[in-house]
PDB file of N, CA and C in Angstrom:
ATOM      1  N   MET A   1    -200.626  90.385  24.102  1.00  0.00           N
ATOM      2  CA  MET A   1    -199.546  91.306  24.367  1.00  0.00           C
ATOM      3  C   MET A   1    -198.225  90.645  23.951  1.00  0.00           C
ATOM      4  N   ALA A   2    -197.331  91.422  23.397  1.00  0.00           N
ATOM      5  CA  ALA A   2    -196.063  90.880  22.898  1.00  0.00           C
ATOM      6  C   ALA A   2    -195.114  90.577  24.051  1.00  0.00           C
ATOM      7  N   GLN A   3    -194.365  89.529  23.867  1.00  0.00           N
ATOM      8  CA  GLN A   3    -193.342  89.166  24.854  1.00  0.00           C
ATOM      9  C   GLN A   3    -192.114  90.034  24.638  1.00  0.00           C
ATOM     10  N   HIS A   4    -191.545  90.512  25.696  1.00  0.00           N
ATOM     11  CA  HIS A   4    -190.348  91.334  25.604  1.00  0.00           C
ATOM     12  C   HIS A   4    -189.141  90.502  25.994  1.00  0.00           C
ATOM     13  N   GLY A   5    -188.125  90.503  25.135  1.00  0.00           N
ATOM     14  CA  GLY A   5    -186.899  89.785  25.448  1.00  0.00           C
ATOM     15  C   GLY A   5    -186.034  90.605  26.386  1.00  0.00           C
ATOM     16  N   GLY A   6    -185.087  89.945  26.981  1.00  0.00           N
ATOM     17  CA  GLY A   6    -184.168  90.639  27.875  1.00  0.00           C
ATOM     18  C   GLY A   6    -183.163  91.451  27.089  1.00  0.00           C
ATOM     19  N   ALA A   7    -182.294  92.104  27.804  1.00  0.00           N
ATOM     20  CA  ALA A   7    -181.243  92.889  27.155  1.00  0.00           C
ATOM     21  C   ALA A   7    -180.312  91.948  26.400  1.00  0.00           C
ATOM     22  N   MET A   8    -179.817  92.405  25.259  1.00  0.00           N
ATOM     23  CA  MET A   8    -178.932  91.593  24.447  1.00  0.00           C
ATOM     24  C   MET A   8    -177.545  91.566  25.083  1.00  0.00           C
ATOM     25  N   THR A   9    -177.048  90.389  25.327  1.00  0.00           N
ATOM     26  CA  THR A   9    -175.703  90.276  25.904  1.00  0.00           C
ATOM     27  C   THR A   9    -174.736  89.832  24.825  1.00  0.00           C
ATOM     28  N   THR A  10    -173.487  90.175  24.994  1.00  0.00           N
ATOM     29  CA  THR A  10    -172.454  89.802  24.008  1.00  0.00           C
ATOM     30  C   THR A  10    -171.518  88.761  24.593  1.00  0.00           C
ATOM     31  N   ASP A  11    -172.079  87.850  25.407  1.00  0.00           N
ATOM     32  CA  ASP A  11    -171.265  86.781  25.971  1.00  0.00           C
ATOM     33  C   ASP A  11    -170.954  85.708  24.935  1.00  0.00           C
ATOM     34  N   ASP A  12    -171.761  85.619  23.901  1.00  0.00           N
ATOM     35  CA  ASP A  12    -171.577  84.608  22.862  1.00  0.00           C
ATOM     36  C   ASP A  12    -170.419  85.005  21.958  1.00  0.00           C
ATOM     37  N   PRO A  13    -169.394  84.152  21.818  1.00  0.00           N
ATOM     38  CA  PRO A  13    -168.246  84.508  20.964  1.00  0.00           C
ATOM     39  C   PRO A  13    -168.630  84.665  19.489  1.00  0.00           C
ATOM     40  N   GLU A  14    -169.618  83.889  19.029  1.00  0.00           N
ATOM     41  CA  GLU A  14    -170.050  84.018  17.639  1.00  0.00           C
ATOM     42  C   GLU A  14    -170.699  85.378  17.407  1.00  0.00           C
ATOM     43  N   LEU A  15    -171.472  85.840  18.379  1.00  0.00           N
ATOM     44  CA  LEU A  15    -172.110  87.154  18.267  1.00  0.00           C
ATOM     45  C   LEU A  15    -171.057  88.256  18.273  1.00  0.00           C
ATOM     46  N   LYS A  16    -170.036  88.121  19.126  1.00  0.00           N
ATOM     47  CA  LYS A  16    -168.958  89.114  19.154  1.00  0.00           C
ATOM     48  C   LYS A  16    -168.241  89.170  17.817  1.00  0.00           C
ATOM     49  N   ALA A  17    -167.941  88.016  17.238  1.00  0.00           N
ATOM     50  CA  ALA A  17    -167.257  87.973  15.945  1.00  0.00           C
ATOM     51  C   ALA A  17    -168.139  88.586  14.858  1.00  0.00           C
ATOM     52  N   PHE A  18    -169.426  88.303  14.908  1.00  0.00           N
ATOM     53  CA  PHE A  18    -170.355  88.862  13.929  1.00  0.00           C
ATOM     54  C   PHE A  18    -170.404  90.385  14.032  1.00  0.00           C
ATOM     55  N   LEU A  19    -170.503  90.894  15.264  1.00  0.00           N
ATOM     56  CA  LEU A  19    -170.556  92.343  15.458  1.00  0.00           C
ATOM     57  C   LEU A  19    -169.251  93.010  15.042  1.00  0.00           C
ATOM     58  N   GLN A  20    -168.127  92.384  15.303  1.00  0.00           N
ATOM     59  CA  GLN A  20    -166.843  92.942  14.884  1.00  0.00           C
ATOM     60  C   GLN A  20    -166.740  92.982  13.365  1.00  0.00           C
ATOM     61  N   ALA A  21    -167.233  91.950  12.706  1.00  0.00           N
ATOM     62  CA  ALA A  21    -167.211  91.938  11.241  1.00  0.00           C
ATOM     63  C   ALA A  21    -168.101  93.050  10.689  1.00  0.00           C
ATOM     64  N   ARG A  22    -169.260  93.243  11.293  1.00  0.00           N
ATOM     65  CA  ARG A  22    -170.159  94.318  10.848  1.00  0.00           C
ATOM     66  C   ARG A  22    -169.520  95.683  11.052  1.00  0.00           C
ATOM     67  N   GLU A  23    -168.818  95.864  12.169  1.00  0.00           N
ATOM     68  CA  GLU A  23    -168.162  97.142  12.430  1.00  0.00           C
ATOM     69  C   GLU A  23    -167.057  97.401  11.409  1.00  0.00           C
ATOM     70  N   ARG A  24    -166.315  96.349  11.018  1.00  0.00           N
ATOM     71  CA  ARG A  24    -165.272  96.520   9.995  1.00  0.00           C
ATOM     72  C   ARG A  24    -165.882  96.908   8.656  1.00  0.00           C
ATOM     73  N   VAL A  25    -166.971  96.250   8.280  1.00  0.00           N
ATOM     74  CA  VAL A  25    -167.638  96.569   7.011  1.00  0.00           C
ATOM     75  C   VAL A  25    -168.162  97.999   7.037  1.00  0.00           C
ATOM     76  N   TYR A  26    -168.792  98.387   8.151  1.00  0.00           N
ATOM     77  CA  TYR A  26    -169.342  99.733   8.274  1.00  0.00           C
ATOM     78  C   TYR A  26    -168.225 100.776   8.249  1.00  0.00           C
ATOM     79  N   GLY A  27    -167.113 100.485   8.917  1.00  0.00           N
ATOM     80  CA  GLY A  27    -165.969 101.400   8.907  1.00  0.00           C
ATOM     81  C   GLY A  27    -165.393 101.560   7.509  1.00  0.00           C
ATOM     82  N   GLY A  28    -165.281 100.463   6.771  1.00  0.00           N
ATOM     83  CA  GLY A  28    -164.796 100.539   5.393  1.00  0.00           C
ATOM     84  C   GLY A  28    -165.739 101.325   4.503  1.00  0.00           C
ATOM     85  N   PHE A  29    -167.030 101.135   4.703  1.00  0.00           N
ATOM     86  CA  PHE A  29    -168.015 101.873   3.917  1.00  0.00           C
ATOM     87  C   PHE A  29    -167.923 103.365   4.199  1.00  0.00           C
ATOM     88  N   LEU A  30    -167.791 103.735   5.472  1.00  0.00           N
ATOM     89  CA  LEU A  30    -167.676 105.150   5.820  1.00  0.00           C
ATOM     90  C   LEU A  30    -166.407 105.761   5.244  1.00  0.00           C
ATOM     91  N   THR A  31    -165.312 105.008   5.255  1.00  0.00           N
ATOM     92  CA  THR A  31    -164.069 105.499   4.660  1.00  0.00           C
ATOM     93  C   THR A  31    -164.241 105.723   3.165  1.00  0.00           C
ATOM     94  N   PHE A  32    -164.877 104.783   2.485  1.00  0.00           N
ATOM     95  CA  PHE A  32    -165.125 104.904   1.057  1.00  0.00           C
ATOM     96  C   PHE A  32    -165.980 106.136   0.749  1.00  0.00           C
ATOM     97  N   VAL A  33    -167.049 106.316   1.501  1.00  0.00           N
ATOM     98  CA  VAL A  33    -167.946 107.452   1.271  1.00  0.00           C
ATOM     99  C   VAL A  33    -167.214 108.765   1.527  1.00  0.00           C
ATOM    100  N   THR A  34    -166.439 108.823   2.595  1.00  0.00           N
ATOM    101  CA  THR A  34    -165.711 110.049   2.928  1.00  0.00           C
ATOM    102  C   THR A  34    -164.735 110.419   1.823  1.00  0.00           C
ATOM    103  N   TRP A  35    -163.920 109.471   1.366  1.00  0.00           N
ATOM    104  CA  TRP A  35    -162.942 109.769   0.316  1.00  0.00           C
ATOM    105  C   TRP A  35    -163.614 110.058  -1.019  1.00  0.00           C
ATOM    106  N   SER A  36    -164.764 109.443  -1.271  1.00  0.00           N
ATOM    107  CA  SER A  36    -165.498 109.753  -2.500  1.00  0.00           C
ATOM    108  C   SER A  36    -165.979 111.198  -2.490  1.00  0.00           C
ATOM    109  N   ILE A  37    -166.506 111.637  -1.362  1.00  0.00           N
ATOM    110  CA  ILE A  37    -166.972 113.021  -1.260  1.00  0.00           C
ATOM    111  C   ILE A  37    -165.809 113.987  -1.399  1.00  0.00           C
ATOM    112  N   VAL A  38    -164.685 113.681  -0.749  1.00  0.00           N
ATOM    113  CA  VAL A  38    -163.502 114.544  -0.861  1.00  0.00           C
ATOM    114  C   VAL A  38    -163.035 114.614  -2.313  1.00  0.00           C
ATOM    115  N   GLY A  39    -163.009 113.488  -2.996  1.00  0.00           N
ATOM    116  CA  GLY A  39    -162.585 113.463  -4.399  1.00  0.00           C
ATOM    117  C   GLY A  39    -163.508 114.274  -5.296  1.00  0.00           C
ATOM    118  N   ILE A  40    -164.798 114.157  -5.080  1.00  0.00           N
ATOM    119  CA  ILE A  40    -165.753 114.909  -5.896  1.00  0.00           C
ATOM    120  C   ILE A  40    -165.610 116.406  -5.644  1.00  0.00           C
ATOM    121  N   VAL A  41    -165.440 116.789  -4.386  1.00  0.00           N
ATOM    122  CA  VAL A  41    -165.262 118.206  -4.069  1.00  0.00           C
ATOM    123  C   VAL A  41    -163.991 118.746  -4.713  1.00  0.00           C
ATOM    124  N   LEU A  42    -162.896 117.986  -4.630  1.00  0.00           N
ATOM    125  CA  LEU A  42    -161.653 118.424  -5.273  1.00  0.00           C
ATOM    126  C   LEU A  42    -161.817 118.538  -6.788  1.00  0.00           C
ATOM    127  N   LEU A  43    -162.511 117.587  -7.378  1.00  0.00           N
ATOM    128  CA  LEU A  43    -162.760 117.643  -8.820  1.00  0.00           C
ATOM    129  C   LEU A  43    -163.572 118.879  -9.186  1.00  0.00           C
ATOM    130  N   LEU A  44    -164.580 119.203  -8.410  1.00  0.00           N
ATOM    131  CA  LEU A  44    -165.387 120.384  -8.683  1.00  0.00           C
ATOM    132  C   LEU A  44    -164.564 121.669  -8.519  1.00  0.00           C
ATOM    133  N   ILE A  45    -163.690 121.698  -7.525  1.00  0.00           N
ATOM    134  CA  ILE A  45    -162.833 122.870  -7.333  1.00  0.00           C
ATOM    135  C   ILE A  45    -161.885 123.026  -8.510  1.00  0.00           C
ATOM    136  N   LEU A  46    -161.295 121.942  -8.968  1.00  0.00           N
ATOM    137  CA  LEU A  46    -160.397 122.006 -10.126  1.00  0.00           C
ATOM    138  C   LEU A  46    -161.138 122.447 -11.387  1.00  0.00           C
ATOM    139  N   LEU A  47    -162.339 121.948 -11.578  1.00  0.00           N
ATOM    140  CA  LEU A  47    -163.136 122.379 -12.726  1.00  0.00           C
ATOM    141  C   LEU A  47    -163.442 123.861 -12.646  1.00  0.00           C
ATOM    142  N   ALA A  48    -163.772 124.341 -11.467  1.00  0.00           N
ATOM    143  CA  ALA A  48    -164.077 125.763 -11.310  1.00  0.00           C
ATOM    144  C   ALA A  48    -162.838 126.617 -11.580  1.00  0.00           C
ATOM    145  N   VAL A  49    -161.675 126.146 -11.146  1.00  0.00           N
ATOM    146  CA  VAL A  49    -160.436 126.921 -11.360  1.00  0.00           C
ATOM    147  C   VAL A  49    -160.090 126.997 -12.843  1.00  0.00           C
ATOM    148  N   PHE A  50    -160.204 125.890 -13.540  1.00  0.00           N
ATOM    149  CA  PHE A  50    -159.789 125.877 -14.945  1.00  0.00           C
ATOM    150  C   PHE A  50    -160.841 126.468 -15.882  1.00  0.00           C
ATOM    151  N   LEU A  51    -162.097 126.460 -15.472  1.00  0.00           N
ATOM    152  CA  LEU A  51    -163.142 126.961 -16.371  1.00  0.00           C
ATOM    153  C   LEU A  51    -163.504 128.426 -16.128  1.00  0.00           C
ATOM    154  N   LEU A  52    -163.119 128.960 -14.996  1.00  0.00           N
ATOM    155  CA  LEU A  52    -163.460 130.367 -14.720  1.00  0.00           C
ATOM    156  C   LEU A  52    -162.277 131.283 -14.925  1.00  0.00           C
TER     157      LEU A  52
END
């Protein structure tokens, strides 16, 4: 039978710094994806306006 570890605690300062860095990277990625989608949608709208 597998051993189950306890709940993960964030008392370790290195773990807190690691998690904060991951959150910053994830936040930047989400911002990039959001603005990319907005840009593509705007480009498609402009193409539709000028071509129709």
